[in-house]
Amino acid sequence: MSDTPERPASQEPQEPTLDEQIAAYQREYRDLDPQVEKVVSALGRLNRRMNVAYGRQLADLGISNAEWEVLKTLVLSGAPYRLGPGELAKRLGLTPAAMTHRIDRMAGEGLVTRDRDETNRVRVIVELTDEGRTKWLEAMRMATDFEEKLLQDLGPEERGALGDALIHLLRRVELTQPDAGGRLTDLD
């Protein structure tokens, strides 16, 4: 019996099941380890589907994923949730031009303010507004609900073991691909 759920008969296949994909890969590349491929392919599909779900939640809030990234970065910077555009661009792996475009859009939507630094009039400061913080909190609530449902069948020990295993894999990638955390191109 397969670990992959069966596809409803009425649904047109958009992509092969994991088992079908692995069988095709093994047919074409006999040295493939099916257990490794199952883990890696499942992680890839899970990541894509979770990103779609998060994107829909953000759209329901009237913000884009790009805007979410800025809100999240400002919150992670700590109170008073302020950073310069250059620091924001660096943390998000964006060019200064892309960051300026994003800040302009977000300031127009009332999610952030952009003002001159009172101590250094040359420097600009981007600050999270109350509206921006409200959007961030609502997105977090929606994401938390989604994530709890996603992991509902796993007990505390299983969640802990899964988290530890994923962090182990993440560290391996970070050690072997130290530049993989950045973006290759701007997403705007």
C-alpha atoms as a PDB file:
ATOM      1  CA  MET A   1       0.000   0.000   0.000  1.00  0.00           C
ATOM      2  CA  SER A   2       1.225   3.486  -0.860  1.00  0.00           C
ATOM      3  CA  ASP A   3       1.840   6.318   1.618  1.00  0.00           C
ATOM      4  CA  THR A   4       0.556   8.714  -1.031  1.00  0.00           C
ATOM      5  CA  PRO A   5      -3.182   9.467  -0.868  1.00  0.00           C
ATOM      6  CA  GLU A   6      -5.191   8.267  -3.828  1.00  0.00           C
ATOM      7  CA  ARG A   7      -6.355  10.902  -6.270  1.00  0.00           C
ATOM      8  CA  PRO A   8     -10.142  11.218  -6.711  1.00  0.00           C
ATOM      9  CA  ALA A   9     -11.201   9.657 -10.022  1.00  0.00           C
ATOM     10  CA  SER A  10     -12.894  12.850 -11.198  1.00  0.00           C
ATOM     11  CA  GLN A  11      -9.846  15.040 -10.644  1.00  0.00           C
ATOM     12  CA  GLU A  12      -7.471  15.620 -13.537  1.00  0.00           C
ATOM     13  CA  PRO A  13      -3.896  14.873 -12.478  1.00  0.00           C
ATOM     14  CA  GLN A  14      -1.767  18.008 -12.376  1.00  0.00           C
ATOM     15  CA  GLU A  15       1.327  16.221 -11.225  1.00  0.00           C
ATOM     16  CA  PRO A  16       2.138  12.594 -10.566  1.00  0.00           C
ATOM     17  CA  THR A  17       1.779  11.163  -7.077  1.00  0.00           C
ATOM     18  CA  LEU A  18       5.038  10.841  -5.158  1.00  0.00           C
ATOM     19  CA  ASP A  19       5.061   7.110  -5.818  1.00  0.00           C
ATOM     20  CA  GLU A  20       4.545   7.690  -9.559  1.00  0.00           C
ATOM     21  CA  GLN A  21       7.275  10.329  -9.608  1.00  0.00           C
ATOM     22  CA  ILE A  22       9.750   8.097  -7.767  1.00  0.00           C
ATOM     23  CA  ALA A  23       8.949   5.128 -10.035  1.00  0.00           C
ATOM     24  CA  ALA A  24       9.579   7.302 -13.113  1.00  0.00           C
ATOM     25  CA  TYR A  25      12.837   8.598 -11.662  1.00  0.00           C
ATOM     26  CA  GLN A  26      13.972   5.053 -10.830  1.00  0.00           C
ATOM     27  CA  ARG A  27      13.127   3.931 -14.353  1.00  0.00           C
ATOM     28  CA  GLU A  28      15.339   6.685 -15.779  1.00  0.00           C
ATOM     29  CA  TYR A  29      18.029   6.774 -13.061  1.00  0.00           C
ATOM     30  CA  ARG A  30      18.639   3.409 -11.457  1.00  0.00           C
ATOM     31  CA  ASP A  31      21.007   4.717  -8.739  1.00  0.00           C
ATOM     32  CA  LEU A  32      18.207   6.705  -7.109  1.00  0.00           C
ATOM     33  CA  ASP A  33      17.546   5.977  -3.435  1.00  0.00           C
ATOM     34  CA  PRO A  34      13.714   5.935  -3.250  1.00  0.00           C
ATOM     35  CA  GLN A  35      13.670   6.747   0.474  1.00  0.00           C
ATOM     36  CA  VAL A  36      15.808   9.851  -0.022  1.00  0.00           C
ATOM     37  CA  GLU A  37      13.731  10.906  -3.026  1.00  0.00           C
ATOM     38  CA  LYS A  38      10.490  10.413  -1.095  1.00  0.00           C
ATOM     39  CA  VAL A  39      11.684  12.712   1.715  1.00  0.00           C
ATOM     40  CA  VAL A  40      13.079  15.387  -0.589  1.00  0.00           C
ATOM     41  CA  SER A  41      10.116  15.360  -2.980  1.00  0.00           C
ATOM     42  CA  ALA A  42       7.598  15.431  -0.114  1.00  0.00           C
ATOM     43  CA  LEU A  43       9.415  18.396   1.455  1.00  0.00           C
ATOM     44  CA  GLY A  44       9.400  20.240  -1.869  1.00  0.00           C
ATOM     45  CA  ARG A  45       5.702  19.640  -2.443  1.00  0.00           C
ATOM     46  CA  LEU A  46       4.848  20.529   1.148  1.00  0.00           C
ATOM     47  CA  ASN A  47       6.794  23.776   0.835  1.00  0.00           C
ATOM     48  CA  ARG A  48       5.016  24.737  -2.395  1.00  0.00           C
ATOM     49  CA  ARG A  49       1.571  23.959  -1.020  1.00  0.00           C
ATOM     50  CA  MET A  50       2.216  25.763   2.256  1.00  0.00           C
ATOM     51  CA  ASN A  51       3.405  28.830   0.326  1.00  0.00           C
ATOM     52  CA  VAL A  52       0.169  28.782  -1.689  1.00  0.00           C
ATOM     53  CA  ALA A  53      -1.884  28.522   1.525  1.00  0.00           C
ATOM     54  CA  TYR A  54       0.039  31.371   3.172  1.00  0.00           C
ATOM     55  CA  GLY A  55      -0.305  33.458   0.009  1.00  0.00           C
ATOM     56  CA  ARG A  56      -4.082  33.003   0.056  1.00  0.00           C
ATOM     57  CA  GLN A  57      -4.241  34.037   3.707  1.00  0.00           C
ATOM     58  CA  LEU A  58      -2.203  37.154   3.003  1.00  0.00           C
ATOM     59  CA  ALA A  59      -4.389  37.983   0.003  1.00  0.00           C
ATOM     60  CA  ASP A  60      -7.439  37.729   2.277  1.00  0.00           C
ATOM     61  CA  LEU A  61      -5.762  40.392   4.448  1.00  0.00           C
ATOM     62  CA  GLY A  62      -5.032  42.580   1.430  1.00  0.00           C
ATOM     63  CA  ILE A  63      -1.248  42.227   1.598  1.00  0.00           C
ATOM     64  CA  SER A  64       1.246  40.491  -0.629  1.00  0.00           C
ATOM     65  CA  ASN A  65       3.930  38.019   0.346  1.00  0.00           C
ATOM     66  CA  ALA A  66       6.499  40.730  -0.415  1.00  0.00           C
ATOM     67  CA  GLU A  67       4.774  43.076   2.039  1.00  0.00           C
ATOM     68  CA  TRP A  68       4.557  40.292   4.638  1.00  0.00           C
ATOM     69  CA  GLU A  69       8.324  39.843   4.393  1.00  0.00           C
ATOM     70  CA  VAL A  70       8.869  43.518   5.247  1.00  0.00           C
ATOM     71  CA  LEU A  71       6.365  43.434   8.129  1.00  0.00           C
ATOM     72  CA  LYS A  72       8.007  40.278   9.502  1.00  0.00           C
ATOM     73  CA  THR A  73      11.499  41.776   9.213  1.00  0.00           C
ATOM     74  CA  LEU A  74      10.446  44.919  11.070  1.00  0.00           C
ATOM     75  CA  VAL A  75       8.819  42.871  13.842  1.00  0.00           C
ATOM     76  CA  LEU A  76      11.897  40.650  14.116  1.00  0.00           C
ATOM     77  CA  SER A  77      14.050  43.769  14.550  1.00  0.00           C
ATOM     78  CA  GLY A  78      12.253  44.378  17.858  1.00  0.00           C
ATOM     79  CA  ALA A  79      10.468  47.408  19.250  1.00  0.00           C
ATOM     80  CA  PRO A  80      10.204  50.117  18.058  1.00  0.00           C
ATOM     81  CA  TYR A  81      10.149  48.126  14.760  1.00  0.00           C
ATOM     82  CA  ARG A  82      12.357  50.496  12.795  1.00  0.00           C
ATOM     83  CA  LEU A  83      15.091  49.890  10.233  1.00  0.00           C
ATOM     84  CA  GLY A  84      16.767  51.816   7.462  1.00  0.00           C
ATOM     85  CA  PRO A  85      15.873  50.864   3.885  1.00  0.00           C
ATOM     86  CA  GLY A  86      19.408  49.588   3.277  1.00  0.00           C
ATOM     87  CA  GLU A  87      19.232  47.261   6.276  1.00  0.00           C
ATOM     88  CA  LEU A  88      15.790  46.041   5.193  1.00  0.00           C
ATOM     89  CA  ALA A  89      17.081  45.367   1.671  1.00  0.00           C
ATOM     90  CA  LYS A  90      20.082  43.477   3.042  1.00  0.00           C
ATOM     91  CA  ARG A  91      17.982  41.327   5.390  1.00  0.00           C
ATOM     92  CA  LEU A  92      15.523  40.508   2.592  1.00  0.00           C
ATOM     93  CA  GLY A  93      18.157  39.932  -0.086  1.00  0.00           C
ATOM     94  CA  LEU A  94      16.788  42.703  -2.293  1.00  0.00           C
ATOM     95  CA  THR A  95      18.374  45.456  -4.316  1.00  0.00           C
ATOM     96  CA  PRO A  96      17.978  48.999  -2.948  1.00  0.00           C
ATOM     97  CA  ALA A  97      15.740  49.863  -5.918  1.00  0.00           C
ATOM     98  CA  ALA A  98      13.402  46.952  -5.238  1.00  0.00           C
ATOM     99  CA  MET A  99      13.302  47.862  -1.554  1.00  0.00           C
ATOM    100  CA  THR A 100      12.449  51.487  -2.359  1.00  0.00           C
ATOM    101  CA  HIS A 101       9.604  50.343  -4.607  1.00  0.00           C
ATOM    102  CA  ARG A 102       8.274  48.040  -1.889  1.00  0.00           C
ATOM    103  CA  ILE A 103       8.509  50.732   0.821  1.00  0.00           C
ATOM    104  CA  ASP A 104       6.746  53.267  -1.423  1.00  0.00           C
ATOM    105  CA  ARG A 105       3.866  50.852  -1.962  1.00  0.00           C
ATOM    106  CA  MET A 106       3.615  49.938   1.722  1.00  0.00           C
ATOM    107  CA  ALA A 107       3.781  53.553   2.893  1.00  0.00           C
ATOM    108  CA  GLY A 108       0.932  54.332   0.499  1.00  0.00           C
ATOM    109  CA  GLU A 109      -1.090  51.516   2.089  1.00  0.00           C
ATOM    110  CA  GLY A 110      -0.377  52.797   5.607  1.00  0.00           C
ATOM    111  CA  LEU A 111       1.601  49.701   6.638  1.00  0.00           C
ATOM    112  CA  VAL A 112       4.861  51.576   7.264  1.00  0.00           C
ATOM    113  CA  THR A 113       6.071  55.135   7.554  1.00  0.00           C
ATOM    114  CA  ARG A 114       9.241  56.508   6.059  1.00  0.00           C
ATOM    115  CA  ASP A 115      10.771  59.502   7.793  1.00  0.00           C
ATOM    116  CA  ARG A 116      14.125  61.203   8.155  1.00  0.00           C
ATOM    117  CA  ASP A 117      16.152  60.138  11.170  1.00  0.00           C
ATOM    118  CA  GLU A 118      16.071  63.070  13.624  1.00  0.00           C
ATOM    119  CA  THR A 119      19.668  62.372  14.685  1.00  0.00           C
ATOM    120  CA  ASN A 120      20.983  62.040  11.111  1.00  0.00           C
ATOM    121  CA  ARG A 121      18.894  63.923   8.549  1.00  0.00           C
ATOM    122  CA  VAL A 122      20.548  62.034   5.681  1.00  0.00           C
ATOM    123  CA  ARG A 123      19.317  58.693   6.977  1.00  0.00           C
ATOM    124  CA  VAL A 124      15.775  57.440   6.334  1.00  0.00           C
ATOM    125  CA  ILE A 125      13.952  55.233   8.834  1.00  0.00           C
ATOM    126  CA  VAL A 126      11.154  52.808   7.929  1.00  0.00           C
ATOM    127  CA  GLU A 127       8.814  52.116  10.829  1.00  0.00           C
ATOM    128  CA  LEU A 128       5.933  49.703  11.273  1.00  0.00           C
ATOM    129  CA  THR A 129       2.584  51.470  11.729  1.00  0.00           C
ATOM    130  CA  ASP A 130      -0.268  50.314  13.947  1.00  0.00           C
ATOM    131  CA  GLU A 131      -2.036  49.145  10.763  1.00  0.00           C
ATOM    132  CA  GLY A 132       1.061  47.205   9.706  1.00  0.00           C
ATOM    133  CA  ARG A 133       1.334  45.565  13.119  1.00  0.00           C
ATOM    134  CA  THR A 134      -2.378  44.681  13.041  1.00  0.00           C
ATOM    135  CA  LYS A 135      -1.910  43.018   9.623  1.00  0.00           C
ATOM    136  CA  TRP A 136       1.139  41.135  10.924  1.00  0.00           C
ATOM    137  CA  LEU A 137      -0.756  39.899  14.002  1.00  0.00           C
ATOM    138  CA  GLU A 138      -3.741  38.774  11.917  1.00  0.00           C
ATOM    139  CA  ALA A 139      -1.463  36.953   9.462  1.00  0.00           C
ATOM    140  CA  MET A 140       0.228  35.232  12.398  1.00  0.00           C
ATOM    141  CA  ARG A 141      -3.140  34.166  13.821  1.00  0.00           C
ATOM    142  CA  MET A 142      -4.213  32.724  10.475  1.00  0.00           C
ATOM    143  CA  ALA A 143      -0.874  30.970   9.971  1.00  0.00           C
ATOM    144  CA  THR A 144      -0.950  29.522  13.486  1.00  0.00           C
ATOM    145  CA  ASP A 145      -4.436  28.087  12.898  1.00  0.00           C
ATOM    146  CA  PHE A 146      -3.309  26.561   9.593  1.00  0.00           C
ATOM    147  CA  GLU A 147      -0.121  25.127  11.115  1.00  0.00           C
ATOM    148  CA  GLU A 148      -1.960  23.621  14.087  1.00  0.00           C
ATOM    149  CA  LYS A 149      -4.342  21.836  11.691  1.00  0.00           C
ATOM    150  CA  LEU A 150      -1.416  20.705   9.565  1.00  0.00           C
ATOM    151  CA  LEU A 151       0.290  19.050  12.548  1.00  0.00           C
ATOM    152  CA  GLN A 152      -2.854  17.939  14.412  1.00  0.00           C
ATOM    153  CA  ASP A 153      -2.139  14.238  13.958  1.00  0.00           C
ATOM    154  CA  LEU A 154       1.329  14.454  15.499  1.00  0.00           C
ATOM    155  CA  GLY A 155       1.849  14.252  19.232  1.00  0.00           C
ATOM    156  CA  PRO A 156       4.366  16.399  21.110  1.00  0.00           C
ATOM    157  CA  GLU A 157       7.188  13.844  20.768  1.00  0.00           C
ATOM    158  CA  GLU A 158       6.534  13.410  17.044  1.00  0.00           C
ATOM    159  CA  ARG A 159       6.461  17.177  16.519  1.00  0.00           C
ATOM    160  CA  GLY A 160       9.708  17.502  18.441  1.00  0.00           C
ATOM    161  CA  ALA A 161      11.381  14.710  16.463  1.00  0.00           C
ATOM    162  CA  LEU A 162      10.159  16.126  13.154  1.00  0.00           C
ATOM    163  CA  GLY A 163      11.355  19.614  14.103  1.00  0.00           C
ATOM    164  CA  ASP A 164      14.762  18.275  15.133  1.00  0.00           C
ATOM    165  CA  ALA A 165      15.109  16.272  11.910  1.00  0.00           C
ATOM    166  CA  LEU A 166      14.164  19.251   9.735  1.00  0.00           C
ATOM    167  CA  ILE A 167      16.579  21.540  11.580  1.00  0.00           C
ATOM    168  CA  HIS A 168      19.307  18.940  11.051  1.00  0.00           C
ATOM    169  CA  LEU A 169      18.582  18.963   7.304  1.00  0.00           C
ATOM    170  CA  LEU A 170      18.461  22.765   7.269  1.00  0.00           C
ATOM    171  CA  ARG A 171      21.867  22.997   8.956  1.00  0.00           C
ATOM    172  CA  ARG A 172      23.320  20.556   6.429  1.00  0.00           C
ATOM    173  CA  VAL A 173      22.115  22.722   3.552  1.00  0.00           C
ATOM    174  CA  GLU A 174      23.335  25.900   5.279  1.00  0.00           C
ATOM    175  CA  LEU A 175      26.799  24.374   5.750  1.00  0.00           C
ATOM    176  CA  THR A 176      27.087  23.132   2.180  1.00  0.00           C
ATOM    177  CA  GLN A 177      25.256  26.050   0.515  1.00  0.00           C
ATOM    178  CA  PRO A 178      26.011  29.108   2.689  1.00  0.00           C
ATOM    179  CA  ASP A 179      24.596  31.519   0.120  1.00  0.00           C
ATOM    180  CA  ALA A 180      21.297  29.641  -0.243  1.00  0.00           C
ATOM    181  CA  GLY A 181      19.485  31.879   2.263  1.00  0.00           C
ATOM    182  CA  GLY A 182      19.483  34.861  -0.063  1.00  0.00           C
ATOM    183  CA  ARG A 183      17.410  35.426  -3.150  1.00  0.00           C
ATOM    184  CA  LEU A 184      18.819  35.071  -6.607  1.00  0.00           C
ATOM    185  CA  THR A 185      16.475  37.721  -8.005  1.00  0.00           C
ATOM    186  CA  ASP A 186      14.045  40.271  -6.663  1.00  0.00           C
ATOM    187  CA  LEU A 187      10.532  38.917  -6.163  1.00  0.00           C
ATOM    188  CA  ASP A 188       8.646  42.143  -6.883  1.00  0.00           C
END
